[in-house]
Amino acid sequence: MTLLYRYCCAAIAASVLPLAAHAQTAWKPERNVEILVGAAPGAGTDKTARMVQKLWQQEKTLDVPSVVVNRPGGGGAVSWAYLAQHQGDPNILLVTSYNIVTNHITGKSKLTYTDFTPIALLLSEYIAYTVSAESKYKTLQDVIAALKKDPRAVSVGLSSSLGGANHIALGLAMKAAGIDVNKMRVVVFNSGGESMTALLGGHVDMMIASGSAISAQTAGKVLRPLAFAAPKRLGGPFAPVPTLTELGYPVVADNWRIVIAPKGLTPAQTEFWDSAFRALAGSEEWKQELESYHLANNYLDSKDTRRYLDAQYQEVREMLAELGLAKPAPK
């Protein structure tokens, strides 16, 4: 989260290396490449995987076909288990997200990023704190003032589980504001759509969601984002929305998308995928795709992705421990 920003500065130079760099590696796929997704079609990871596959086809990045394969279930656990069974296979990639860290910390999964080969951090969705356009709360300061008087004064909806990216984003913001999030009224919904329906119906006062989930309703003046947990302001309909840091709360919170492969890849195989994703992240087509969905191009290569995940794991564990959701760390 907050550590991502410092890594991205180092990654900018890598993203502008020659787009043909992947052709210089000693290994390349010789059979179909599977791009796995641990969610149903239409989910954030699925959209990311399909953007990758579409651009690879357009640019003829691979000499072999690629296909997106959905293996939903268990918040990603089904896809992780499948990938773990294919150790050493460089032709299978998985686009996954934040819960590969959180589910291990909370004890929901025995598998985490260290059981695989991190390949790339592709993008980030920064998280917003949003009310309906008709809400009496005009600013985030209004919400915080109400919560300081009574931590149960403002009900908050989020998806899709306690301990997920949205819950952690709420916890980090409230901690920065001096509010005990454990005393707040937090309602968990199965999806962002359900959370938004509850907000618009007046059943909750505020919702926590990524920018892509609220973009259309913000542009249509149905929702009013009060702040983004982003390092800088977003564009488009979110241009007027301040960051938490601008408001005096130095918090950056996002739901990232990473690519992992089975454990046991050779250095040459990892380098091929490094080069392929470096070229993708540096292309104008990819940048335009991300901009259209209000996503941040925070590309990191395999080594920096591993370092980033190591740091994320510790930071997220600390927040989940404060939320009472972290299982005891192994001795």
Foldseek 3Di string as FASTA:
>chain_A
DLVLVVQLVVCVVLLQDDLCVLVPFPDADPEEAEEEEQADPPDPLNVVSVLLQVVCVVVVLHPYHYDYDYNYDLQSQRVVVVQQVDAQDLRYKYKHWDVLQQCCQLVSDVGHQVQFFFFKFFWWFWKFKKAWLPAPDPAVVSVLVQCVVPVARFEEEEDDDCLGLQNLQVLLLCVLSVGQNLRYHYDHHRDPVVRVVCRLVVVGGIYMDTCLSCVVVLVVRGMDTREILDPAFFDDSRNVHYHSVVVPRNGHTIMTITMTGGHDYDPSSSVSSQSNSSSLLNDPSNVVVCSVSRIGRSMDGRVVVVVVVVVVSVVSSVSCVSVVRGDDDDD
